[in-house]
Amino acid sequence: MAEETQTLRREEKMAEALFNKDAVYQALAQNVAIQALRAAHPEAVTNAKFDRGELTLVIAPNQIRAVCRTLQTAGYNFLEDVTCVDWYPAEPRFQVTYHILSHPLKERLRLHAMVGSIDPSIDSITPVWPSANYYEREVWDLFGVRFHGHPSLRRIMMPEEWDGHPLRKDYPVEGYR
């Protein structure tokens, strides 16, 4: 009976969607990630969303490395992946997304950092999580987003002589000729 009640409460909580930072901060005030970031980097989180049981924090791009280091210290011990979305023609154009896990807390966290098209770049998080190396190389190769401080930012999927970044929305369907 107690397990059923606990499961129902968890499902009810997961059904409540929150689509702005203030609502997320209020409803999830006890969340370890939110507490750590509010204490260490109060201006780093520009927006937040909690939907279907998943927490997403939008981070100022110039704060991403410091935020990741703070989260690692708070118990988020595993970088699952780094990926990118091209929102062309919108600005900022690129959404760099980080999926981070905490095994001890049994929590998952998604970070977004929006990067403009004029100089698509953001700090590398390889000093925090060395496993970001190949993910950042993939994002560079396919989208053209540069990662400052990356130990070896070079193509990983396309040949070195490849022209352009094929997952950009403005990349020609048949490639450059």
N, C-alpha and C. Protein backbone atom coordinates (compact mmCIF):
# COMPACT_ATOMS: atom_id res chain seq x y z
N MET A 1 0.82 -1.20 0.00
CA MET A 1 0.00 0.00 0.00
C MET A 1 0.86 1.26 0.00
N ALA A 2 1.88 1.29 0.84
CA ALA A 2 2.76 2.46 0.90
C ALA A 2 3.50 2.66 -0.42
N GLU A 3 3.90 1.55 -1.05
CA GLU A 3 4.58 1.66 -2.34
C GLU A 3 3.66 2.24 -3.41
N GLU A 4 2.38 1.83 -3.39
CA GLU A 4 1.42 2.36 -4.35
C GLU A 4 1.23 3.86 -4.17
N THR A 5 1.11 4.30 -2.93
CA THR A 5 0.96 5.72 -2.63
C THR A 5 2.18 6.49 -3.09
N GLN A 6 3.36 5.98 -2.82
CA GLN A 6 4.60 6.63 -3.24
C GLN A 6 4.68 6.70 -4.76
N THR A 7 4.31 5.64 -5.46
CA THR A 7 4.31 5.62 -6.92
C THR A 7 3.32 6.63 -7.48
N LEU A 8 2.12 6.70 -6.89
CA LEU A 8 1.12 7.67 -7.34
C LEU A 8 1.61 9.09 -7.15
N ARG A 9 2.23 9.38 -6.02
CA ARG A 9 2.77 10.73 -5.78
C ARG A 9 3.84 11.09 -6.79
N ARG A 10 4.72 10.12 -7.08
CA ARG A 10 5.79 10.35 -8.06
C ARG A 10 5.18 10.62 -9.44
N GLU A 11 4.15 9.85 -9.82
CA GLU A 11 3.49 10.04 -11.11
C GLU A 11 2.77 11.38 -11.16
N GLU A 12 2.13 11.78 -10.06
CA GLU A 12 1.46 13.09 -10.01
C GLU A 12 2.48 14.20 -10.18
N LYS A 13 3.61 14.08 -9.50
CA LYS A 13 4.65 15.11 -9.59
C LYS A 13 5.21 15.18 -11.01
N MET A 14 5.36 14.02 -11.65
CA MET A 14 5.88 13.99 -13.01
C MET A 14 4.89 14.60 -13.99
N ALA A 15 3.60 14.58 -13.67
CA ALA A 15 2.58 15.12 -14.56
C ALA A 15 2.54 16.64 -14.52
N GLU A 16 3.03 17.23 -13.44
CA GLU A 16 3.01 18.68 -13.30
C GLU A 16 4.14 19.30 -14.11
N ALA A 17 3.78 19.95 -15.20
CA ALA A 17 4.78 20.60 -16.04
C ALA A 17 4.99 22.04 -15.57
N LEU A 18 6.25 22.44 -15.49
CA LEU A 18 6.62 23.80 -15.08
C LEU A 18 7.50 24.38 -16.18
N PHE A 19 7.12 25.54 -16.68
CA PHE A 19 7.79 26.06 -17.86
C PHE A 19 8.49 27.40 -17.68
N ASN A 20 8.82 27.77 -16.46
CA ASN A 20 9.64 28.97 -16.27
C ASN A 20 10.50 28.81 -15.02
N LYS A 21 11.53 29.57 -14.98
CA LYS A 21 12.54 29.45 -13.92
C LYS A 21 11.95 29.63 -12.52
N ASP A 22 11.13 30.64 -12.34
CA ASP A 22 10.58 30.90 -11.01
C ASP A 22 9.71 29.74 -10.52
N ALA A 23 8.88 29.19 -11.40
CA ALA A 23 8.01 28.07 -11.03
C ALA A 23 8.84 26.83 -10.69
N VAL A 24 9.88 26.58 -11.48
CA VAL A 24 10.76 25.44 -11.22
C VAL A 24 11.50 25.62 -9.91
N TYR A 25 12.06 26.81 -9.69
CA TYR A 25 12.78 27.08 -8.44
C TYR A 25 11.88 26.90 -7.22
N GLN A 26 10.63 27.33 -7.34
CA GLN A 26 9.71 27.22 -6.21
C GLN A 26 9.32 25.76 -5.96
N ALA A 27 8.97 25.04 -7.02
CA ALA A 27 8.50 23.66 -6.86
C ALA A 27 9.62 22.69 -6.52
N LEU A 28 10.82 22.96 -7.01
CA LEU A 28 11.94 22.04 -6.80
C LEU A 28 13.04 22.67 -5.95
N ALA A 29 12.64 23.42 -4.95
CA ALA A 29 13.59 24.13 -4.10
C ALA A 29 14.58 23.19 -3.40
N GLN A 30 14.20 21.94 -3.18
CA GLN A 30 15.07 20.98 -2.50
C GLN A 30 15.99 20.23 -3.47
N ASN A 31 15.86 20.47 -4.75
CA ASN A 31 16.71 19.79 -5.73
C ASN A 31 18.17 20.20 -5.53
N VAL A 32 19.06 19.23 -5.49
CA VAL A 32 20.47 19.47 -5.21
C VAL A 32 21.10 20.38 -6.26
N ALA A 33 20.81 20.15 -7.54
CA ALA A 33 21.38 20.97 -8.61
C ALA A 33 20.94 22.42 -8.49
N ILE A 34 19.66 22.62 -8.25
CA ILE A 34 19.14 23.98 -8.13
C ILE A 34 19.74 24.68 -6.92
N GLN A 35 19.83 23.98 -5.80
CA GLN A 35 20.43 24.58 -4.60
C GLN A 35 21.88 24.97 -4.85
N ALA A 36 22.65 24.07 -5.47
CA ALA A 36 24.08 24.33 -5.71
C ALA A 36 24.27 25.51 -6.65
N LEU A 37 23.48 25.56 -7.72
CA LEU A 37 23.64 26.66 -8.68
C LEU A 37 23.14 27.99 -8.15
N ARG A 38 22.08 27.97 -7.38
CA ARG A 38 21.59 29.23 -6.79
C ARG A 38 22.63 29.80 -5.82
N ALA A 39 23.34 28.92 -5.12
CA ALA A 39 24.35 29.38 -4.16
C ALA A 39 25.63 29.85 -4.86
N ALA A 40 26.09 29.09 -5.85
CA ALA A 40 27.39 29.38 -6.45
C ALA A 40 27.32 30.31 -7.67
N HIS A 41 26.28 30.19 -8.47
CA HIS A 41 26.17 30.95 -9.73
C HIS A 41 24.72 31.41 -9.93
N PRO A 42 24.25 32.36 -9.13
CA PRO A 42 22.83 32.73 -9.19
C PRO A 42 22.38 33.28 -10.55
N GLU A 43 23.29 33.86 -11.32
CA GLU A 43 22.92 34.44 -12.61
C GLU A 43 23.13 33.48 -13.78
N ALA A 44 23.69 32.30 -13.53
CA ALA A 44 24.02 31.38 -14.61
C ALA A 44 22.80 30.74 -15.25
N VAL A 45 21.77 30.47 -14.47
CA VAL A 45 20.56 29.85 -15.01
C VAL A 45 19.65 30.95 -15.54
N THR A 46 19.42 30.92 -16.86
CA THR A 46 18.59 31.96 -17.48
C THR A 46 17.14 31.52 -17.62
N ASN A 47 16.89 30.21 -17.63
CA ASN A 47 15.53 29.69 -17.70
C ASN A 47 15.56 28.25 -17.21
N ALA A 48 14.39 27.70 -16.96
CA ALA A 48 14.30 26.33 -16.48
C ALA A 48 12.97 25.73 -16.89
N LYS A 49 12.95 24.41 -16.96
CA LYS A 49 11.72 23.69 -17.32
C LYS A 49 11.74 22.35 -16.60
N PHE A 50 10.59 21.95 -16.10
CA PHE A 50 10.41 20.62 -15.54
C PHE A 50 9.20 20.03 -16.20
N ASP A 51 9.41 18.99 -17.00
CA ASP A 51 8.32 18.39 -17.74
C ASP A 51 8.56 16.89 -17.86
N ARG A 52 7.52 16.11 -17.60
CA ARG A 52 7.58 14.65 -17.67
C ARG A 52 8.69 14.08 -16.78
N GLY A 53 8.86 14.72 -15.63
CA GLY A 53 9.83 14.25 -14.67
C GLY A 53 11.27 14.59 -15.00
N GLU A 54 11.50 15.45 -16.01
CA GLU A 54 12.86 15.80 -16.41
C GLU A 54 13.12 17.28 -16.17
N LEU A 55 14.25 17.57 -15.55
CA LEU A 55 14.66 18.94 -15.26
C LEU A 55 15.63 19.43 -16.33
N THR A 56 15.30 20.58 -16.92
CA THR A 56 16.16 21.21 -17.92
C THR A 56 16.49 22.62 -17.43
N LEU A 57 17.78 22.94 -17.40
CA LEU A 57 18.22 24.28 -17.02
C LEU A 57 18.92 24.92 -18.22
N VAL A 58 18.52 26.14 -18.55
CA VAL A 58 19.17 26.89 -19.62
C VAL A 58 20.26 27.73 -18.97
N ILE A 59 21.49 27.53 -19.44
CA ILE A 59 22.67 28.13 -18.80
C ILE A 59 23.26 29.21 -19.71
N ALA A 60 23.70 30.31 -19.14
CA ALA A 60 24.41 31.33 -19.91
C ALA A 60 25.68 30.68 -20.46
N PRO A 61 25.95 30.82 -21.76
CA PRO A 61 27.07 30.10 -22.37
C PRO A 61 28.43 30.41 -21.74
N ASN A 62 28.62 31.62 -21.25
CA ASN A 62 29.90 31.97 -20.65
C ASN A 62 30.09 31.37 -19.25
N GLN A 63 29.07 30.68 -18.74
CA GLN A 63 29.13 30.07 -17.41
C GLN A 63 29.17 28.55 -17.43
N ILE A 64 29.17 27.94 -18.62
CA ILE A 64 28.95 26.49 -18.71
C ILE A 64 30.01 25.68 -17.96
N ARG A 65 31.27 26.03 -18.08
CA ARG A 65 32.30 25.24 -17.41
C ARG A 65 32.19 25.35 -15.89
N ALA A 66 31.97 26.55 -15.39
CA ALA A 66 31.83 26.74 -13.94
C ALA A 66 30.59 26.02 -13.41
N VAL A 67 29.51 26.07 -14.17
CA VAL A 67 28.28 25.38 -13.77
C VAL A 67 28.52 23.87 -13.70
N CYS A 68 29.18 23.32 -14.71
CA CYS A 68 29.45 21.88 -14.72
C CYS A 68 30.35 21.47 -13.55
N ARG A 69 31.32 22.29 -13.24
CA ARG A 69 32.20 21.99 -12.11
C ARG A 69 31.41 22.01 -10.80
N THR A 70 30.53 22.98 -10.65
CA THR A 70 29.69 23.07 -9.45
C THR A 70 28.77 21.85 -9.34
N LEU A 71 28.17 21.45 -10.45
CA LEU A 71 27.29 20.28 -10.44
C LEU A 71 28.05 19.00 -10.12
N GLN A 72 29.27 18.90 -10.64
CA GLN A 72 30.09 17.72 -10.34
C GLN A 72 30.37 17.65 -8.83
N THR A 73 30.70 18.79 -8.24
CA THR A 73 30.95 18.86 -6.80
C THR A 73 29.69 18.52 -6.01
N ALA A 74 28.53 18.87 -6.56
CA ALA A 74 27.25 18.62 -5.88
C ALA A 74 26.78 17.17 -6.00
N GLY A 75 27.51 16.35 -6.74
CA GLY A 75 27.14 14.94 -6.81
C GLY A 75 26.75 14.43 -8.18
N TYR A 76 26.74 15.30 -9.18
CA TYR A 76 26.45 14.86 -10.55
C TYR A 76 27.75 14.34 -11.14
N ASN A 77 27.88 13.02 -11.15
CA ASN A 77 29.17 12.40 -11.38
C ASN A 77 29.37 11.83 -12.77
N PHE A 78 28.40 11.96 -13.67
CA PHE A 78 28.52 11.29 -14.96
C PHE A 78 27.96 12.16 -16.08
N LEU A 79 28.81 12.48 -17.06
CA LEU A 79 28.37 13.16 -18.27
C LEU A 79 27.89 12.09 -19.24
N GLU A 80 26.63 12.11 -19.56
CA GLU A 80 26.06 11.10 -20.45
C GLU A 80 26.36 11.42 -21.91
N ASP A 81 26.12 12.67 -22.32
CA ASP A 81 26.47 13.07 -23.68
C ASP A 81 26.39 14.57 -23.85
N VAL A 82 26.93 15.02 -24.99
CA VAL A 82 26.84 16.42 -25.42
C VAL A 82 26.34 16.36 -26.85
N THR A 83 25.34 17.15 -27.16
CA THR A 83 24.82 17.19 -28.51
C THR A 83 24.43 18.62 -28.87
N CYS A 84 23.87 18.80 -30.05
CA CYS A 84 23.56 20.14 -30.52
C CYS A 84 22.29 20.11 -31.36
N VAL A 85 21.59 21.23 -31.38
CA VAL A 85 20.43 21.42 -32.25
C VAL A 85 20.63 22.74 -32.98
N ASP A 86 20.36 22.74 -34.28
CA ASP A 86 20.45 23.95 -35.10
C ASP A 86 19.04 24.49 -35.26
N TRP A 87 18.77 25.66 -34.71
CA TRP A 87 17.44 26.28 -34.78
C TRP A 87 17.35 27.32 -35.89
N TYR A 88 18.20 27.21 -36.90
CA TYR A 88 18.19 28.14 -38.04
C TYR A 88 16.77 28.32 -38.55
N PRO A 89 16.32 29.54 -38.81
CA PRO A 89 17.02 30.82 -38.85
C PRO A 89 16.95 31.62 -37.54
N ALA A 90 16.52 31.01 -36.46
CA ALA A 90 16.41 31.71 -35.18
C ALA A 90 17.79 32.09 -34.63
N GLU A 91 17.83 33.12 -33.81
CA GLU A 91 19.05 33.51 -33.09
C GLU A 91 18.72 33.58 -31.61
N PRO A 92 19.57 33.09 -30.73
CA PRO A 92 20.78 32.35 -31.01
C PRO A 92 20.46 31.04 -31.72
N ARG A 93 21.33 30.68 -32.62
CA ARG A 93 21.04 29.59 -33.55
C ARG A 93 21.24 28.19 -32.98
N PHE A 94 22.31 27.97 -32.23
CA PHE A 94 22.66 26.62 -31.79
C PHE A 94 22.35 26.41 -30.32
N GLN A 95 21.78 25.26 -30.04
CA GLN A 95 21.51 24.84 -28.66
C GLN A 95 22.44 23.67 -28.35
N VAL A 96 23.46 23.93 -27.53
CA VAL A 96 24.36 22.86 -27.10
C VAL A 96 23.74 22.26 -25.84
N THR A 97 23.54 20.94 -25.87
CA THR A 97 22.82 20.26 -24.81
C THR A 97 23.72 19.24 -24.12
N TYR A 98 23.70 19.26 -22.80
CA TYR A 98 24.49 18.36 -21.97
C TYR A 98 23.53 17.53 -21.13
N HIS A 99 23.69 16.21 -21.14
CA HIS A 99 22.90 15.33 -20.28
C HIS A 99 23.82 14.80 -19.18
N ILE A 100 23.45 15.07 -17.94
CA ILE A 100 24.31 14.77 -16.79
C ILE A 100 23.52 13.91 -15.79
N LEU A 101 24.19 12.94 -15.21
CA LEU A 101 23.55 12.04 -14.25
C LEU A 101 24.23 12.13 -12.88
N SER A 102 23.44 11.84 -11.87
CA SER A 102 23.98 11.64 -10.53
C SER A 102 23.57 10.24 -10.11
N HIS A 103 24.54 9.34 -10.07
CA HIS A 103 24.24 7.98 -9.61
C HIS A 103 23.87 7.96 -8.12
N PRO A 104 24.60 8.66 -7.26
CA PRO A 104 24.22 8.63 -5.83
C PRO A 104 22.83 9.20 -5.57
N LEU A 105 22.45 10.27 -6.31
CA LEU A 105 21.15 10.91 -6.10
C LEU A 105 20.04 10.28 -6.94
N LYS A 106 20.45 9.46 -7.91
CA LYS A 106 19.50 8.86 -8.86
C LYS A 106 18.70 9.93 -9.58
N GLU A 107 19.43 10.94 -10.09
CA GLU A 107 18.80 12.05 -10.79
C GLU A 107 19.49 12.30 -12.11
N ARG A 108 18.70 12.81 -13.04
CA ARG A 108 19.18 13.17 -14.37
C ARG A 108 18.93 14.66 -14.56
N LEU A 109 19.84 15.31 -15.27
CA LEU A 109 19.75 16.75 -15.48
C LEU A 109 20.16 17.07 -16.90
N ARG A 110 19.41 17.96 -17.52
CA ARG A 110 19.74 18.41 -18.87
C ARG A 110 20.10 19.90 -18.80
N LEU A 111 21.23 20.25 -19.40
CA LEU A 111 21.64 21.65 -19.50
C LEU A 111 21.59 22.07 -20.96
N HIS A 112 21.07 23.25 -21.22
CA HIS A 112 21.11 23.84 -22.56
C HIS A 112 21.92 25.12 -22.48
N ALA A 113 22.73 25.36 -23.49
CA ALA A 113 23.41 26.65 -23.63
C ALA A 113 23.18 27.11 -25.06
N MET A 114 22.64 28.29 -25.23
CA MET A 114 22.34 28.82 -26.56
C MET A 114 23.54 29.60 -27.08
N VAL A 115 23.93 29.30 -28.33
CA VAL A 115 25.12 29.89 -28.94
C VAL A 115 24.73 30.53 -30.27
N GLY A 116 25.18 31.75 -30.49
CA GLY A 116 24.84 32.49 -31.71
C GLY A 116 25.57 31.98 -32.94
N SER A 117 25.12 32.43 -34.12
CA SER A 117 25.68 31.95 -35.38
C SER A 117 26.89 32.74 -35.85
N ILE A 118 27.10 33.95 -35.36
CA ILE A 118 28.23 34.77 -35.82
C ILE A 118 29.55 34.12 -35.41
N ASP A 119 29.69 33.79 -34.15
CA ASP A 119 30.87 33.09 -33.66
C ASP A 119 30.39 31.94 -32.79
N PRO A 120 29.98 30.82 -33.41
CA PRO A 120 29.44 29.72 -32.61
C PRO A 120 30.52 29.05 -31.78
N SER A 121 30.62 29.47 -30.52
CA SER A 121 31.65 28.90 -29.65
C SER A 121 31.19 28.95 -28.20
N ILE A 122 31.79 28.04 -27.43
CA ILE A 122 31.47 27.92 -26.01
C ILE A 122 32.68 27.25 -25.35
N ASP A 123 32.84 27.41 -24.05
CA ASP A 123 33.96 26.77 -23.36
C ASP A 123 33.80 25.26 -23.36
N SER A 124 34.91 24.57 -23.49
CA SER A 124 34.92 23.11 -23.41
C SER A 124 34.74 22.69 -21.96
N ILE A 125 34.06 21.57 -21.75
CA ILE A 125 33.93 21.04 -20.39
C ILE A 125 34.84 19.82 -20.20
N THR A 126 35.77 19.59 -21.13
CA THR A 126 36.69 18.46 -20.95
C THR A 126 37.55 18.59 -19.69
N PRO A 127 37.88 19.81 -19.20
CA PRO A 127 38.60 19.87 -17.92
C PRO A 127 37.76 19.34 -16.75
N VAL A 128 36.44 19.38 -16.88
CA VAL A 128 35.55 18.89 -15.83
C VAL A 128 35.28 17.40 -16.03
N TRP A 129 34.82 17.06 -17.22
CA TRP A 129 34.54 15.67 -17.58
C TRP A 129 35.33 15.33 -18.84
N PRO A 130 36.44 14.61 -18.72
CA PRO A 130 37.24 14.26 -19.89
C PRO A 130 36.45 13.49 -20.96
N SER A 131 35.38 12.83 -20.57
CA SER A 131 34.58 12.10 -21.55
C SER A 131 33.88 13.02 -22.55
N ALA A 132 33.87 14.31 -22.31
CA ALA A 132 33.27 15.26 -23.25
C ALA A 132 34.10 15.40 -24.52
N ASN A 133 35.33 14.93 -24.49
CA ASN A 133 36.25 15.08 -25.61
C ASN A 133 35.62 14.71 -26.95
N TYR A 134 35.19 13.47 -27.09
CA TYR A 134 34.67 13.00 -28.36
C TYR A 134 33.32 13.63 -28.70
N TYR A 135 32.48 13.87 -27.70
CA TYR A 135 31.19 14.50 -27.96
C TYR A 135 31.37 15.92 -28.51
N GLU A 136 32.29 16.67 -27.91
CA GLU A 136 32.54 18.03 -28.39
C GLU A 136 33.14 18.01 -29.79
N ARG A 137 34.00 17.05 -30.07
CA ARG A 137 34.55 16.92 -31.42
C ARG A 137 33.44 16.63 -32.43
N GLU A 138 32.49 15.79 -32.04
CA GLU A 138 31.38 15.47 -32.93
C GLU A 138 30.53 16.71 -33.20
N VAL A 139 30.22 17.49 -32.17
CA VAL A 139 29.43 18.71 -32.35
C VAL A 139 30.20 19.70 -33.24
N TRP A 140 31.50 19.83 -33.04
CA TRP A 140 32.31 20.70 -33.89
C TRP A 140 32.25 20.21 -35.34
N ASP A 141 32.46 18.94 -35.55
CA ASP A 141 32.52 18.36 -36.89
C ASP A 141 31.20 18.53 -37.64
N LEU A 142 30.08 18.26 -36.98
CA LEU A 142 28.80 18.23 -37.67
C LEU A 142 28.04 19.56 -37.64
N PHE A 143 28.29 20.41 -36.64
CA PHE A 143 27.57 21.68 -36.53
C PHE A 143 28.48 22.91 -36.62
N GLY A 144 29.77 22.76 -36.38
CA GLY A 144 30.68 23.90 -36.46
C GLY A 144 30.74 24.74 -35.20
N VAL A 145 30.28 24.23 -34.07
CA VAL A 145 30.38 24.96 -32.80
C VAL A 145 31.77 24.67 -32.21
N ARG A 146 32.55 25.73 -31.98
CA ARG A 146 33.90 25.58 -31.43
C ARG A 146 33.84 25.51 -29.90
N PHE A 147 34.76 24.73 -29.35
CA PHE A 147 34.84 24.57 -27.89
C PHE A 147 36.20 25.10 -27.43
N HIS A 148 36.18 26.28 -26.78
CA HIS A 148 37.41 26.90 -26.28
C HIS A 148 38.04 26.04 -25.20
N GLY A 149 39.33 25.80 -25.32
CA GLY A 149 40.04 25.03 -24.33
C GLY A 149 39.98 23.53 -24.56
N HIS A 150 39.43 23.11 -25.68
CA HIS A 150 39.39 21.68 -25.99
C HIS A 150 40.80 21.21 -26.31
N PRO A 151 41.21 20.03 -25.82
CA PRO A 151 42.60 19.59 -26.01
C PRO A 151 42.96 19.23 -27.46
N SER A 152 42.00 18.88 -28.30
CA SER A 152 42.33 18.48 -29.67
C SER A 152 41.08 18.56 -30.54
N LEU A 153 40.62 19.77 -30.80
CA LEU A 153 39.38 19.96 -31.57
C LEU A 153 39.67 19.76 -33.05
N ARG A 154 39.30 18.59 -33.54
CA ARG A 154 39.47 18.27 -34.96
C ARG A 154 38.32 17.35 -35.37
N ARG A 155 38.18 17.14 -36.65
CA ARG A 155 37.09 16.31 -37.16
C ARG A 155 37.18 14.90 -36.59
N ILE A 156 36.00 14.31 -36.38
CA ILE A 156 35.94 12.96 -35.83
C ILE A 156 35.14 12.03 -36.74
N MET A 157 34.22 12.57 -37.52
CA MET A 157 33.37 11.73 -38.37
C MET A 157 33.61 11.99 -39.87
N MET A 158 33.78 13.23 -40.22
CA MET A 158 33.96 13.59 -41.62
C MET A 158 35.46 13.62 -41.94
N PRO A 159 35.83 13.43 -43.23
CA PRO A 159 37.25 13.52 -43.59
C PRO A 159 37.80 14.92 -43.29
N GLU A 160 39.08 15.00 -42.99
CA GLU A 160 39.72 16.29 -42.65
C GLU A 160 39.49 17.35 -43.72
N GLU A 161 39.45 16.95 -44.99
CA GLU A 161 39.33 17.91 -46.09
C GLU A 161 37.86 18.29 -46.37
N TRP A 162 36.92 17.79 -45.58
CA TRP A 162 35.51 18.08 -45.79
C TRP A 162 35.23 19.56 -45.63
N ASP A 163 34.40 20.10 -46.51
CA ASP A 163 34.06 21.52 -46.49
C ASP A 163 32.71 21.70 -45.80
N GLY A 164 32.67 22.43 -44.72
CA GLY A 164 31.42 22.73 -44.04
C GLY A 164 31.10 21.75 -42.92
N HIS A 165 29.86 21.89 -42.42
CA HIS A 165 29.39 21.10 -41.29
C HIS A 165 28.01 20.56 -41.65
N PRO A 166 27.91 19.27 -41.96
CA PRO A 166 26.73 18.73 -42.62
C PRO A 166 25.41 18.70 -41.85
N LEU A 167 25.39 18.89 -40.54
CA LEU A 167 24.11 18.89 -39.83
C LEU A 167 23.55 20.29 -39.62
N ARG A 168 24.21 21.29 -40.19
CA ARG A 168 23.64 22.63 -40.15
C ARG A 168 22.44 22.68 -41.09
N LYS A 169 21.40 23.40 -40.68
CA LYS A 169 20.18 23.46 -41.49
C LYS A 169 20.40 24.16 -42.83
N ASP A 170 21.43 25.02 -42.93
CA ASP A 170 21.68 25.71 -44.20
C ASP A 170 22.71 24.98 -45.07
N TYR A 171 23.10 23.80 -44.66
CA TYR A 171 24.06 23.02 -45.45
C TYR A 171 23.33 22.46 -46.68
N PRO A 172 23.90 22.57 -47.87
CA PRO A 172 23.22 22.09 -49.08
C PRO A 172 22.98 20.58 -49.02
N VAL A 173 21.81 20.16 -49.47
CA VAL A 173 21.40 18.76 -49.40
C VAL A 173 22.41 17.85 -50.11
N GLU A 174 22.95 18.32 -51.23
CA GLU A 174 23.92 17.51 -51.98
C GLU A 174 25.36 17.90 -51.69
N GLY A 175 25.58 18.70 -50.67
CA GLY A 175 26.93 19.13 -50.32
C GLY A 175 27.40 20.27 -51.20
N TYR A 176 28.56 20.80 -50.87
CA TYR A 176 29.16 21.85 -51.68
C TYR A 176 29.84 21.23 -52.88
N ARG A 177 29.73 21.84 -54.02
CA ARG A 177 30.38 21.31 -55.24
C ARG A 177 31.35 22.32 -55.78
